[in-house]
Amino acid sequence: MTFMPANFNVWMEIPVSDLDKAIGFYNGVFKTELKRITDMGPNHIAIFPTKEQDGVAGHLYPGKPSAKGTGATIHIACPDSLEATMERFTKAGGEIVSDPVAIPAGRFAYGVDPDGNSIGMFAQ
């Protein structure tokens, strides 16, 4: 029997060195409002919002990021054009490390956030 869930990815966690600065970075780049949660365990976290209650999302948490660009890549949906998101990413202190890549489902580009996390920006 082959396991085939509706969503194979169920959650993401992005380690950051300064939660408040990271919240500002991701809110600005992705035009969103991460929700700070203080009762989810030993650390405060900031959750990415989703339209649906059971949407696939994730959170930022105080942690030790992998060395710059060496960890897993998290792809995040762009709120508008890929180019506009890339511009905000750079202006907010991130680094774009690829040109846009076209695939059948849309386009994406790779960047590295201020903590060195590998981030894919995806636009349909």
PDB file of N, CA and C in Angstrom:
ATOM      1  N   MET A   1       0.845  -1.184   0.000  1.00  0.00           N
ATOM      2  CA  MET A   1       0.000   0.000   0.000  1.00  0.00           C
ATOM      3  C   MET A   1       0.889   1.245   0.000  1.00  0.00           C
ATOM      4  N   THR A   2       0.538   2.229  -0.795  1.00  0.00           N
ATOM      5  CA  THR A   2       1.295   3.471  -0.903  1.00  0.00           C
ATOM      6  C   THR A   2       0.604   4.563  -0.102  1.00  0.00           C
ATOM      7  N   PHE A   3       1.356   5.201   0.765  1.00  0.00           N
ATOM      8  CA  PHE A   3       0.842   6.313   1.565  1.00  0.00           C
ATOM      9  C   PHE A   3       0.786   7.555   0.689  1.00  0.00           C
ATOM     10  N   MET A   4      -0.414   8.152   0.554  1.00  0.00           N
ATOM     11  CA  MET A   4      -0.608   9.332  -0.282  1.00  0.00           C
ATOM     12  C   MET A   4      -1.523  10.324   0.437  1.00  0.00           C
ATOM     13  N   PRO A   5      -0.973  11.122   1.368  1.00  0.00           N
ATOM     14  CA  PRO A   5      -1.801  12.092   2.087  1.00  0.00           C
ATOM     15  C   PRO A   5      -2.181  13.270   1.202  1.00  0.00           C
ATOM     16  N   ALA A   6      -3.144  14.054   1.646  1.00  0.00           N
ATOM     17  CA  ALA A   6      -3.539  15.257   0.905  1.00  0.00           C
ATOM     18  C   ALA A   6      -2.358  16.229   0.792  1.00  0.00           C
ATOM     19  N   ASN A   7      -1.566  16.335   1.832  1.00  0.00           N
ATOM     20  CA  ASN A   7      -0.367  17.175   1.847  1.00  0.00           C
ATOM     21  C   ASN A   7       0.748  16.395   2.504  1.00  0.00           C
ATOM     22  N   PHE A   8       1.797  16.105   1.773  1.00  0.00           N
ATOM     23  CA  PHE A   8       2.913  15.382   2.369  1.00  0.00           C
ATOM     24  C   PHE A   8       3.658  16.275   3.350  1.00  0.00           C
ATOM     25  N   ASN A   9       3.787  17.538   3.023  1.00  0.00           N
ATOM     26  CA  ASN A   9       4.375  18.494   3.961  1.00  0.00           C
ATOM     27  C   ASN A   9       3.277  18.947   4.903  1.00  0.00           C
ATOM     28  N   VAL A  10       3.510  18.822   6.202  1.00  0.00           N
ATOM     29  CA  VAL A  10       2.475  19.196   7.158  1.00  0.00           C
ATOM     30  C   VAL A  10       2.850  20.404   8.007  1.00  0.00           C
ATOM     31  N   TRP A  11       4.142  20.761   8.048  1.00  0.00           N
ATOM     32  CA  TRP A  11       4.553  21.879   8.880  1.00  0.00           C
ATOM     33  C   TRP A  11       5.986  22.232   8.544  1.00  0.00           C
ATOM     34  N   MET A  12       6.367  23.476   8.744  1.00  0.00           N
ATOM     35  CA  MET A  12       7.767  23.877   8.584  1.00  0.00           C
ATOM     36  C   MET A  12       8.182  24.663   9.813  1.00  0.00           C
ATOM     37  N   GLU A  13       9.448  24.586  10.126  1.00  0.00           N
ATOM     38  CA  GLU A  13      10.012  25.356  11.222  1.00  0.00           C
ATOM     39  C   GLU A  13      11.272  26.045  10.701  1.00  0.00           C
ATOM     40  N   ILE A  14      11.362  27.343  10.921  1.00  0.00           N
ATOM     41  CA  ILE A  14      12.520  28.104  10.472  1.00  0.00           C
ATOM     42  C   ILE A  14      13.220  28.659  11.714  1.00  0.00           C
ATOM     43  N   PRO A  15      14.450  28.212  11.979  1.00  0.00           N
ATOM     44  CA  PRO A  15      15.177  28.725  13.138  1.00  0.00           C
ATOM     45  C   PRO A  15      15.722  30.123  12.862  1.00  0.00           C
ATOM     46  N   VAL A  16      15.600  31.001  13.837  1.00  0.00           N
ATOM     47  CA  VAL A  16      16.084  32.374  13.681  1.00  0.00           C
ATOM     48  C   VAL A  16      16.840  32.796  14.937  1.00  0.00           C
ATOM     49  N   SER A  17      17.785  33.705  14.757  1.00  0.00           N
ATOM     50  CA  SER A  17      18.599  34.146  15.894  1.00  0.00           C
ATOM     51  C   SER A  17      17.911  35.234  16.718  1.00  0.00           C
ATOM     52  N   ASP A  18      17.019  36.004  16.094  1.00  0.00           N
ATOM     53  CA  ASP A  18      16.292  37.074  16.789  1.00  0.00           C
ATOM     54  C   ASP A  18      14.849  37.031  16.291  1.00  0.00           C
ATOM     55  N   LEU A  19      13.953  36.537  17.135  1.00  0.00           N
ATOM     56  CA  LEU A  19      12.560  36.323  16.715  1.00  0.00           C
ATOM     57  C   LEU A  19      11.891  37.617  16.268  1.00  0.00           C
ATOM     58  N   ASP A  20      12.072  38.702  16.990  1.00  0.00           N
ATOM     59  CA  ASP A  20      11.418  39.961  16.619  1.00  0.00           C
ATOM     60  C   ASP A  20      11.898  40.473  15.265  1.00  0.00           C
ATOM     61  N   LYS A  21      13.210  40.435  15.028  1.00  0.00           N
ATOM     62  CA  LYS A  21      13.736  40.876  13.736  1.00  0.00           C
ATOM     63  C   LYS A  21      13.238  39.978  12.613  1.00  0.00           C
ATOM     64  N   ALA A  22      13.189  38.675  12.855  1.00  0.00           N
ATOM     65  CA  ALA A  22      12.727  37.732  11.827  1.00  0.00           C
ATOM     66  C   ALA A  22      11.246  37.943  11.516  1.00  0.00           C
ATOM     67  N   ILE A  23      10.449  38.210  12.538  1.00  0.00           N
ATOM     68  CA  ILE A  23       9.028  38.497  12.313  1.00  0.00           C
ATOM     69  C   ILE A  23       8.901  39.710  11.398  1.00  0.00           C
ATOM     70  N   GLY A  24       9.665  40.756  11.664  1.00  0.00           N
ATOM     71  CA  GLY A  24       9.632  41.948  10.823  1.00  0.00           C
ATOM     72  C   GLY A  24      10.052  41.640   9.394  1.00  0.00           C
ATOM     73  N   PHE A  25      11.098  40.838   9.219  1.00  0.00           N
ATOM     74  CA  PHE A  25      11.569  40.470   7.889  1.00  0.00           C
ATOM     75  C   PHE A  25      10.478  39.729   7.114  1.00  0.00           C
ATOM     76  N   TYR A  26       9.946  38.653   7.679  1.00  0.00           N
ATOM     77  CA  TYR A  26       8.954  37.841   6.966  1.00  0.00           C
ATOM     78  C   TYR A  26       7.631  38.582   6.778  1.00  0.00           C
ATOM     79  N   ASN A  27       7.207  39.381   7.757  1.00  0.00           N
ATOM     80  CA  ASN A  27       5.989  40.184   7.572  1.00  0.00           C
ATOM     81  C   ASN A  27       6.157  41.142   6.400  1.00  0.00           C
ATOM     82  N   GLY A  28       7.292  41.804   6.332  1.00  0.00           N
ATOM     83  CA  GLY A  28       7.520  42.774   5.265  1.00  0.00           C
ATOM     84  C   GLY A  28       7.672  42.143   3.899  1.00  0.00           C
ATOM     85  N   VAL A  29       8.436  41.068   3.818  1.00  0.00           N
ATOM     86  CA  VAL A  29       8.681  40.421   2.525  1.00  0.00           C
ATOM     87  C   VAL A  29       7.416  39.777   1.975  1.00  0.00           C
ATOM     88  N   PHE A  30       6.690  39.049   2.823  1.00  0.00           N
ATOM     89  CA  PHE A  30       5.542  38.281   2.353  1.00  0.00           C
ATOM     90  C   PHE A  30       4.189  38.942   2.650  1.00  0.00           C
ATOM     91  N   LYS A  31       4.227  40.227   3.054  1.00  0.00           N
ATOM     92  CA  LYS A  31       3.009  41.011   3.278  1.00  0.00           C
ATOM     93  C   LYS A  31       2.006  40.256   4.150  1.00  0.00           C
ATOM     94  N   THR A  32       2.456  39.791   5.294  1.00  0.00           N
ATOM     95  CA  THR A  32       1.613  39.002   6.169  1.00  0.00           C
ATOM     96  C   THR A  32       1.739  39.490   7.595  1.00  0.00           C
ATOM     97  N   GLU A  33       1.069  38.834   8.508  1.00  0.00           N
ATOM     98  CA  GLU A  33       1.164  39.153   9.930  1.00  0.00           C
ATOM     99  C   GLU A  33       1.312  37.846  10.695  1.00  0.00           C
ATOM    100  N   LEU A  34       2.567  37.489  10.974  1.00  0.00           N
ATOM    101  CA  LEU A  34       2.812  36.297  11.775  1.00  0.00           C
ATOM    102  C   LEU A  34       2.239  36.521  13.162  1.00  0.00           C
ATOM    103  N   LYS A  35       1.686  35.465  13.722  1.00  0.00           N
ATOM    104  CA  LYS A  35       1.065  35.554  15.039  1.00  0.00           C
ATOM    105  C   LYS A  35       2.023  34.991  16.079  1.00  0.00           C
ATOM    106  N   ARG A  36       2.404  35.832  17.037  1.00  0.00           N
ATOM    107  CA  ARG A  36       3.301  35.383  18.103  1.00  0.00           C
ATOM    108  C   ARG A  36       2.501  34.518  19.085  1.00  0.00           C
ATOM    109  N   ILE A  37       3.048  33.360  19.391  1.00  0.00           N
ATOM    110  CA  ILE A  37       2.425  32.419  20.324  1.00  0.00           C
ATOM    111  C   ILE A  37       3.377  32.240  21.502  1.00  0.00           C
ATOM    112  N   THR A  38       2.856  32.365  22.710  1.00  0.00           N
ATOM    113  CA  THR A  38       3.720  32.282  23.885  1.00  0.00           C
ATOM    114  C   THR A  38       3.494  31.025  24.719  1.00  0.00           C
ATOM    115  N   ASP A  39       2.501  30.217  24.359  1.00  0.00           N
ATOM    116  CA  ASP A  39       2.188  29.052  25.197  1.00  0.00           C
ATOM    117  C   ASP A  39       2.317  27.723  24.458  1.00  0.00           C
ATOM    118  N   MET A  40       3.247  27.624  23.517  1.00  0.00           N
ATOM    119  CA  MET A  40       3.403  26.400  22.725  1.00  0.00           C
ATOM    120  C   MET A  40       4.616  25.578  23.152  1.00  0.00           C
ATOM    121  N   GLY A  41       5.187  25.854  24.292  1.00  0.00           N
ATOM    122  CA  GLY A  41       6.353  25.106  24.712  1.00  0.00           C
ATOM    123  C   GLY A  41       7.387  26.007  25.336  1.00  0.00           C
ATOM    124  N   PRO A  42       8.621  25.585  25.280  1.00  0.00           N
ATOM    125  CA  PRO A  42       9.665  26.339  25.976  1.00  0.00           C
ATOM    126  C   PRO A  42      10.003  27.685  25.324  1.00  0.00           C
ATOM    127  N   ASN A  43       9.714  27.845  24.048  1.00  0.00           N
ATOM    128  CA  ASN A  43      10.040  29.079  23.340  1.00  0.00           C
ATOM    129  C   ASN A  43       8.796  29.765  22.810  1.00  0.00           C
ATOM    130  N   HIS A  44       8.882  31.092  22.675  1.00  0.00           N
ATOM    131  CA  HIS A  44       7.861  31.814  21.922  1.00  0.00           C
ATOM    132  C   HIS A  44       8.100  31.470  20.454  1.00  0.00           C
ATOM    133  N   ILE A  45       7.047  31.427  19.671  1.00  0.00           N
ATOM    134  CA  ILE A  45       7.155  31.184  18.237  1.00  0.00           C
ATOM    135  C   ILE A  45       6.294  32.215  17.512  1.00  0.00           C
ATOM    136  N   ALA A  46       6.433  32.264  16.202  1.00  0.00           N
ATOM    137  CA  ALA A  46       5.598  33.140  15.380  1.00  0.00           C
ATOM    138  C   ALA A  46       5.073  32.303  14.220  1.00  0.00           C
ATOM    139  N   ILE A  47       3.765  32.147  14.145  1.00  0.00           N
ATOM    140  CA  ILE A  47       3.123  31.272  13.166  1.00  0.00           C
ATOM    141  C   ILE A  47       2.732  32.037  11.905  1.00  0.00           C
ATOM    142  N   PHE A  48       3.022  31.425  10.746  1.00  0.00           N
ATOM    143  CA  PHE A  48       2.564  31.957   9.469  1.00  0.00           C
ATOM    144  C   PHE A  48       1.060  31.690   9.372  1.00  0.00           C
ATOM    145  N   PRO A  49       0.269  32.706   9.034  1.00  0.00           N
ATOM    146  CA  PRO A  49      -1.175  32.502   8.943  1.00  0.00           C
ATOM    147  C   PRO A  49      -1.574  31.811   7.639  1.00  0.00           C
ATOM    148  N   THR A  50      -2.695  31.101   7.685  1.00  0.00           N
ATOM    149  CA  THR A  50      -3.272  30.500   6.482  1.00  0.00           C
ATOM    150  C   THR A  50      -4.755  30.866   6.421  1.00  0.00           C
ATOM    151  N   LYS A  51      -5.281  30.856   5.220  1.00  0.00           N
ATOM    152  CA  LYS A  51      -6.696  31.187   5.016  1.00  0.00           C
ATOM    153  C   LYS A  51      -7.601  30.174   5.711  1.00  0.00           C
ATOM    154  N   GLU A  52      -7.270  28.908   5.574  1.00  0.00           N
ATOM    155  CA  GLU A  52      -8.067  27.835   6.172  1.00  0.00           C
ATOM    156  C   GLU A  52      -7.443  27.399   7.494  1.00  0.00           C
ATOM    157  N   GLN A  53      -8.263  26.999   8.444  1.00  0.00           N
ATOM    158  CA  GLN A  53      -7.783  26.554   9.761  1.00  0.00           C
ATOM    159  C   GLN A  53      -6.772  25.415   9.648  1.00  0.00           C
ATOM    160  N   ASP A  54      -6.968  24.509   8.692  1.00  0.00           N
ATOM    161  CA  ASP A  54      -6.066  23.355   8.561  1.00  0.00           C
ATOM    162  C   ASP A  54      -5.060  23.529   7.427  1.00  0.00           C
ATOM    163  N   GLY A  55      -4.801  24.780   7.041  1.00  0.00           N
ATOM    164  CA  GLY A  55      -3.831  25.049   5.987  1.00  0.00           C
ATOM    165  C   GLY A  55      -2.425  24.635   6.402  1.00  0.00           C
ATOM    166  N   VAL A  56      -1.609  24.284   5.428  1.00  0.00           N
ATOM    167  CA  VAL A  56      -0.227  23.900   5.695  1.00  0.00           C
ATOM    168  C   VAL A  56       0.584  25.172   5.916  1.00  0.00           C
ATOM    169  N   ALA A  57       1.231  25.263   7.055  1.00  0.00           N
ATOM    170  CA  ALA A  57       1.976  26.478   7.390  1.00  0.00           C
ATOM    171  C   ALA A  57       3.246  26.108   8.147  1.00  0.00           C
ATOM    172  N   GLY A  58       3.584  26.921   9.112  1.00  0.00           N
ATOM    173  CA  GLY A  58       4.767  26.688   9.909  1.00  0.00           C
ATOM    174  C   GLY A  58       5.034  27.873  10.800  1.00  0.00           C
ATOM    175  N   HIS A  59       6.233  27.880  11.377  1.00  0.00           N
ATOM    176  CA  HIS A  59       6.550  28.964  12.294  1.00  0.00           C
ATOM    177  C   HIS A  59       8.036  29.272  12.326  1.00  0.00           C
ATOM    178  N   LEU A  60       8.335  30.446  12.868  1.00  0.00           N
ATOM    179  CA  LEU A  60       9.689  30.850  13.203  1.00  0.00           C
ATOM    180  C   LEU A  60       9.892  30.505  14.670  1.00  0.00           C
ATOM    181  N   TYR A  61      11.100  30.132  15.037  1.00  0.00           N
ATOM    182  CA  TYR A  61      11.386  29.883  16.443  1.00  0.00           C
ATOM    183  C   TYR A  61      12.822  30.280  16.754  1.00  0.00           C
ATOM    184  N   PRO A  62      13.095  30.667  18.000  1.00  0.00           N
ATOM    185  CA  PRO A  62      14.472  30.989  18.368  1.00  0.00           C
ATOM    186  C   PRO A  62      15.298  29.703  18.307  1.00  0.00           C
ATOM    187  N   GLY A  63      16.282  29.689  17.465  1.00  0.00           N
ATOM    188  CA  GLY A  63      17.090  28.486  17.298  1.00  0.00           C
ATOM    189  C   GLY A  63      18.381  28.798  16.577  1.00  0.00           C
ATOM    190  N   LYS A  64      19.121  27.756  16.279  1.00  0.00           N
ATOM    191  CA  LYS A  64      20.403  27.916  15.600  1.00  0.00           C
ATOM    192  C   LYS A  64      20.236  27.498  14.140  1.00  0.00           C
ATOM    193  N   PRO A  65      20.219  28.469  13.238  1.00  0.00           N
ATOM    194  CA  PRO A  65      20.109  28.128  11.818  1.00  0.00           C
ATOM    195  C   PRO A  65      21.333  27.342  11.344  1.00  0.00           C
ATOM    196  N   SER A  66      21.161  26.585  10.289  1.00  0.00           N
ATOM    197  CA  SER A  66      22.287  25.899   9.650  1.00  0.00           C
ATOM    198  C   SER A  66      23.235  26.950   9.094  1.00  0.00           C
ATOM    199  N   ALA A  67      24.430  26.519   8.752  1.00  0.00           N
ATOM    200  CA  ALA A  67      25.371  27.438   8.107  1.00  0.00           C
ATOM    201  C   ALA A  67      24.707  27.995   6.849  1.00  0.00           C
ATOM    202  N   LYS A  68      25.042  29.229   6.495  1.00  0.00           N
ATOM    203  CA  LYS A  68      24.408  29.944   5.390  1.00  0.00           C
ATOM    204  C   LYS A  68      24.200  29.072   4.154  1.00  0.00           C
ATOM    205  N   GLY A  69      22.931  28.910   3.784  1.00  0.00           N
ATOM    206  CA  GLY A  69      22.559  28.210   2.561  1.00  0.00           C
ATOM    207  C   GLY A  69      22.731  26.700   2.583  1.00  0.00           C
ATOM    208  N   THR A  70      23.001  26.090   3.749  1.00  0.00           N
ATOM    209  CA  THR A  70      23.252  24.651   3.766  1.00  0.00           C
ATOM    210  C   THR A  70      22.075  23.826   4.264  1.00  0.00           C
ATOM    211  N   GLY A  71      21.106  24.439   4.891  1.00  0.00           N
ATOM    212  CA  GLY A  71      19.963  23.700   5.417  1.00  0.00           C
ATOM    213  C   GLY A  71      18.939  23.406   4.333  1.00  0.00           C
ATOM    214  N   ALA A  72      17.841  22.832   4.749  1.00  0.00           N
ATOM    215  CA  ALA A  72      16.732  22.565   3.819  1.00  0.00           C
ATOM    216  C   ALA A  72      16.199  23.884   3.271  1.00  0.00           C
ATOM    217  N   THR A  73      15.600  23.829   2.095  1.00  0.00           N
ATOM    218  CA  THR A  73      14.993  25.025   1.510  1.00  0.00           C
ATOM    219  C   THR A  73      13.493  24.990   1.758  1.00  0.00           C
ATOM    220  N   ILE A  74      12.980  26.059   2.310  1.00  0.00           N
ATOM    221  CA  ILE A  74      11.548  26.228   2.547  1.00  0.00           C
ATOM    222  C   ILE A  74      11.013  27.135   1.440  1.00  0.00           C
ATOM    223  N   HIS A  75       9.991  26.690   0.718  1.00  0.00           N
ATOM    224  CA  HIS A  75       9.377  27.514  -0.325  1.00  0.00           C
ATOM    225  C   HIS A  75       8.127  28.167   0.249  1.00  0.00           C
ATOM    226  N   ILE A  76       8.041  29.484   0.076  1.00  0.00           N
ATOM    227  CA  ILE A  76       6.929  30.257   0.612  1.00  0.00           C
ATOM    228  C   ILE A  76       6.231  30.974  -0.542  1.00  0.00           C
ATOM    229  N   ALA A  77       4.892  30.978  -0.509  1.00  0.00           N
ATOM    230  CA  ALA A  77       4.095  31.605  -1.564  1.00  0.00           C
ATOM    231  C   ALA A  77       4.271  33.118  -1.557  1.00  0.00           C
ATOM    232  N   CYS A  78       4.474  33.683  -2.731  1.00  0.00           N
ATOM    233  CA  CYS A  78       4.578  35.137  -2.890  1.00  0.00           C
ATOM    234  C   CYS A  78       3.181  35.747  -2.829  1.00  0.00           C
ATOM    235  N   PRO A  79       3.044  36.902  -2.176  1.00  0.00           N
ATOM    236  CA  PRO A  79       1.735  37.550  -2.111  1.00  0.00           C
ATOM    237  C   PRO A  79       1.376  38.300  -3.386  1.00  0.00           C
ATOM    238  N   ASP A  80       2.358  38.515  -4.252  1.00  0.00           N
ATOM    239  CA  ASP A  80       2.150  39.226  -5.509  1.00  0.00           C
ATOM    240  C   ASP A  80       3.179  38.676  -6.497  1.00  0.00           C
ATOM    241  N   SER A  81       3.770  39.482  -7.315  1.00  0.00           N
ATOM    242  CA  SER A  81       4.709  38.960  -8.307  1.00  0.00           C
ATOM    243  C   SER A  81       6.004  38.467  -7.658  1.00  0.00           C
ATOM    244  N   LEU A  82       6.640  37.536  -8.314  1.00  0.00           N
ATOM    245  CA  LEU A  82       7.926  37.029  -7.851  1.00  0.00           C
ATOM    246  C   LEU A  82       8.939  38.166  -7.769  1.00  0.00           C
ATOM    247  N   GLU A  83       8.968  39.019  -8.782  1.00  0.00           N
ATOM    248  CA  GLU A  83       9.932  40.115  -8.804  1.00  0.00           C
ATOM    249  C   GLU A  83       9.722  41.085  -7.642  1.00  0.00           C
ATOM    250  N   ALA A  84       8.473  41.417  -7.338  1.00  0.00           N
ATOM    251  CA  ALA A  84       8.195  42.328  -6.229  1.00  0.00           C
ATOM    252  C   ALA A  84       8.627  41.703  -4.900  1.00  0.00           C
ATOM    253  N   THR A  85       8.381  40.407  -4.748  1.00  0.00           N
ATOM    254  CA  THR A  85       8.784  39.713  -3.526  1.00  0.00           C
ATOM    255  C   THR A  85      10.303  39.665  -3.417  1.00  0.00           C
ATOM    256  N   MET A  86      10.979  39.389  -4.523  1.00  0.00           N
ATOM    257  CA  MET A  86      12.448  39.369  -4.523  1.00  0.00           C
ATOM    258  C   MET A  86      13.006  40.738  -4.128  1.00  0.00           C
ATOM    259  N   GLU A  87      12.389  41.790  -4.617  1.00  0.00           N
ATOM    260  CA  GLU A  87      12.847  43.147  -4.297  1.00  0.00           C
ATOM    261  C   GLU A  87      12.692  43.426  -2.803  1.00  0.00           C
ATOM    262  N   ARG A  88      11.538  43.063  -2.233  1.00  0.00           N
ATOM    263  CA  ARG A  88      11.333  43.267  -0.792  1.00  0.00           C
ATOM    264  C   ARG A  88      12.316  42.411   0.017  1.00  0.00           C
ATOM    265  N   PHE A  89      12.572  41.188  -0.460  1.00  0.00           N
ATOM    266  CA  PHE A  89      13.489  40.271   0.209  1.00  0.00           C
ATOM    267  C   PHE A  89      14.868  40.921   0.344  1.00  0.00           C
ATOM    268  N   THR A  90      15.354  41.486  -0.735  1.00  0.00           N
ATOM    269  CA  THR A  90      16.664  42.130  -0.741  1.00  0.00           C
ATOM    270  C   THR A  90      16.668  43.389   0.134  1.00  0.00           C
ATOM    271  N   LYS A  91      15.652  44.218  -0.021  1.00  0.00           N
ATOM    272  CA  LYS A  91      15.582  45.462   0.756  1.00  0.00           C
ATOM    273  C   LYS A  91      15.493  45.196   2.256  1.00  0.00           C
ATOM    274  N   ALA A  92      14.917  44.048   2.637  1.00  0.00           N
ATOM    275  CA  ALA A  92      14.757  43.712   4.051  1.00  0.00           C
ATOM    276  C   ALA A  92      16.011  43.070   4.648  1.00  0.00           C
ATOM    277  N   GLY A  93      17.031  42.839   3.828  1.00  0.00           N
ATOM    278  CA  GLY A  93      18.273  42.284   4.355  1.00  0.00           C
ATOM    279  C   GLY A  93      18.584  40.867   3.918  1.00  0.00           C
ATOM    280  N   GLY A  94      17.746  40.289   3.057  1.00  0.00           N
ATOM    281  CA  GLY A  94      18.027  38.962   2.521  1.00  0.00           C
ATOM    282  C   GLY A  94      18.901  39.065   1.284  1.00  0.00           C
ATOM    283  N   GLU A  95      19.325  37.927   0.791  1.00  0.00           N
ATOM    284  CA  GLU A  95      20.176  37.871  -0.397  1.00  0.00           C
ATOM    285  C   GLU A  95      19.547  36.931  -1.426  1.00  0.00           C
ATOM    286  N   ILE A  96      19.355  37.409  -2.631  1.00  0.00           N
ATOM    287  CA  ILE A  96      18.847  36.573  -3.721  1.00  0.00           C
ATOM    288  C   ILE A  96      20.034  35.796  -4.288  1.00  0.00           C
ATOM    289  N   VAL A  97      19.878  34.474  -4.422  1.00  0.00           N
ATOM    290  CA  VAL A  97      21.002  33.648  -4.885  1.00  0.00           C
ATOM    291  C   VAL A  97      20.722  32.918  -6.193  1.00  0.00           C
ATOM    292  N   SER A  98      19.578  33.209  -6.831  1.00  0.00           N
ATOM    293  CA  SER A  98      19.301  32.612  -8.141  1.00  0.00           C
ATOM    294  C   SER A  98      18.443  33.556  -8.959  1.00  0.00           C
ATOM    295  N   ASP A  99      18.488  33.357 -10.251  1.00  0.00           N
ATOM    296  CA  ASP A  99      17.535  34.020 -11.125  1.00  0.00           C
ATOM    297  C   ASP A  99      16.202  33.289 -10.988  1.00  0.00           C
ATOM    298  N   PRO A 100      15.102  33.897 -11.426  1.00  0.00           N
ATOM    299  CA  PRO A 100      13.828  33.181 -11.431  1.00  0.00           C
ATOM    300  C   PRO A 100      13.905  31.919 -12.290  1.00  0.00           C
ATOM    301  N   VAL A 101      13.241  30.878 -11.814  1.00  0.00           N
ATOM    302  CA  VAL A 101      13.200  29.587 -12.500  1.00  0.00           C
ATOM    303  C   VAL A 101      11.744  29.284 -12.842  1.00  0.00           C
ATOM    304  N   ALA A 102      11.469  28.990 -14.110  1.00  0.00           N
ATOM    305  CA  ALA A 102      10.106  28.645 -14.539  1.00  0.00           C
ATOM    306  C   ALA A 102       9.932  27.135 -14.495  1.00  0.00           C
ATOM    307  N   ILE A 103       8.822  26.696 -13.918  1.00  0.00           N
ATOM    308  CA  ILE A 103       8.425  25.289 -13.904  1.00  0.00           C
ATOM    309  C   ILE A 103       6.951  25.252 -14.294  1.00  0.00           C
ATOM    310  N   PRO A 104       6.406  24.098 -14.625  1.00  0.00           N
ATOM    311  CA  PRO A 104       5.004  24.070 -15.050  1.00  0.00           C
ATOM    312  C   PRO A 104       4.016  24.685 -14.042  1.00  0.00           C
ATOM    313  N   ALA A 105       4.296  24.571 -12.757  1.00  0.00           N
ATOM    314  CA  ALA A 105       3.362  25.079 -11.746  1.00  0.00           C
ATOM    315  C   ALA A 105       3.486  26.567 -11.483  1.00  0.00           C
ATOM    316  N   GLY A 106       4.568  27.207 -11.963  1.00  0.00           N
ATOM    317  CA  GLY A 106       4.769  28.628 -11.708  1.00  0.00           C
ATOM    318  C   GLY A 106       6.230  29.003 -11.839  1.00  0.00           C
ATOM    319  N   ARG A 107       6.674  29.942 -10.997  1.00  0.00           N
ATOM    320  CA  ARG A 107       8.067  30.399 -11.018  1.00  0.00           C
ATOM    321  C   ARG A 107       8.559  30.560  -9.584  1.00  0.00           C
ATOM    322  N   PHE A 108       9.852  30.375  -9.394  1.00  0.00           N
ATOM    323  CA  PHE A 108      10.427  30.571  -8.069  1.00  0.00           C
ATOM    324  C   PHE A 108      11.844  31.100  -8.196  1.00  0.00           C
ATOM    325  N   ALA A 109      12.344  31.620  -7.081  1.00  0.00           N
ATOM    326  CA  ALA A 109      13.736  32.049  -6.977  1.00  0.00           C
ATOM    327  C   ALA A 109      14.208  31.688  -5.580  1.00  0.00           C
ATOM    328  N   TYR A 110      15.500  31.446  -5.472  1.00  0.00           N
ATOM    329  CA  TYR A 110      16.088  31.122  -4.176  1.00  0.00           C
ATOM    330  C   TYR A 110      16.687  32.364  -3.544  1.00  0.00           C
ATOM    331  N   GLY A 111      16.567  32.442  -2.218  1.00  0.00           N
ATOM    332  CA  GLY A 111      17.197  33.496  -1.456  1.00  0.00           C
ATOM    333  C   GLY A 111      17.697  32.943  -0.137  1.00  0.00           C
ATOM    334  N   VAL A 112      18.478  33.751   0.556  1.00  0.00           N
ATOM    335  CA  VAL A 112      18.962  33.406   1.882  1.00  0.00           C
ATOM    336  C   VAL A 112      18.511  34.525   2.815  1.00  0.00           C
ATOM    337  N   ASP A 113      17.763  34.166   3.870  1.00  0.00           N
ATOM    338  CA  ASP A 113      17.268  35.185   4.791  1.00  0.00           C
ATOM    339  C   ASP A 113      18.421  35.713   5.650  1.00  0.00           C
ATOM    340  N   PRO A 114      18.179  36.746   6.465  1.00  0.00           N
ATOM    341  CA  PRO A 114      19.269  37.316   7.258  1.00  0.00           C
ATOM    342  C   PRO A 114      19.956  36.327   8.204  1.00  0.00           C
ATOM    343  N   ASP A 115      19.308  35.205   8.532  1.00  0.00           N
ATOM    344  CA  ASP A 115      19.916  34.179   9.380  1.00  0.00           C
ATOM    345  C   ASP A 115      20.622  33.095   8.587  1.00  0.00           C
ATOM    346  N   GLY A 116      20.585  33.185   7.252  1.00  0.00           N
ATOM    347  CA  GLY A 116      21.237  32.182   6.418  1.00  0.00           C
ATOM    348  C   GLY A 116      20.344  31.044   5.983  1.00  0.00           C
ATOM    349  N   ASN A 117      19.057  31.089   6.350  1.00  0.00           N
ATOM    350  CA  ASN A 117      18.109  30.050   5.939  1.00  0.00           C
ATOM    351  C   ASN A 117      17.840  30.127   4.443  1.00  0.00           C
ATOM    352  N   SER A 118      17.803  28.982   3.781  1.00  0.00           N
ATOM    353  CA  SER A 118      17.514  28.912   2.349  1.00  0.00           C
ATOM    354  C   SER A 118      16.003  29.010   2.157  1.00  0.00           C
ATOM    355  N   ILE A 119      15.577  30.054   1.445  1.00  0.00           N
ATOM    356  CA  ILE A 119      14.152  30.328   1.238  1.00  0.00           C
ATOM    357  C   ILE A 119      13.852  30.370  -0.259  1.00  0.00           C
ATOM    358  N   GLY A 120      12.862  29.623  -0.675  1.00  0.00           N
ATOM    359  CA  GLY A 120      12.363  29.699  -2.044  1.00  0.00           C
ATOM    360  C   GLY A 120      11.135  30.595  -2.041  1.00  0.00           C
ATOM    361  N   MET A 121      11.079  31.518  -2.982  1.00  0.00           N
ATOM    362  CA  MET A 121       9.909  32.382  -3.154  1.00  0.00           C
ATOM    363  C   MET A 121       9.172  31.868  -4.371  1.00  0.00           C
ATOM    364  N   PHE A 122       7.919  31.453  -4.197  1.00  0.00           N
ATOM    365  CA  PHE A 122       7.168  30.797  -5.274  1.00  0.00           C
ATOM    366  C   PHE A 122       5.954  31.621  -5.675  1.00  0.00           C
ATOM    367  N   ALA A 123       5.777  31.829  -6.975  1.00  0.00           N
ATOM    368  CA  ALA A 123       4.611  32.536  -7.513  1.00  0.00           C
ATOM    369  C   ALA A 123       4.014  31.710  -8.641  1.00  0.00           C
ATOM    370  N   GLN A 124       2.704  31.637  -8.677  1.00  0.00           N
ATOM    371  CA  GLN A 124       2.028  30.894  -9.751  1.00  0.00           C
ATOM    372  C   GLN A 124       1.835  31.780 -10.941  1.00  0.00           C
TER     373      GLN A 124
END
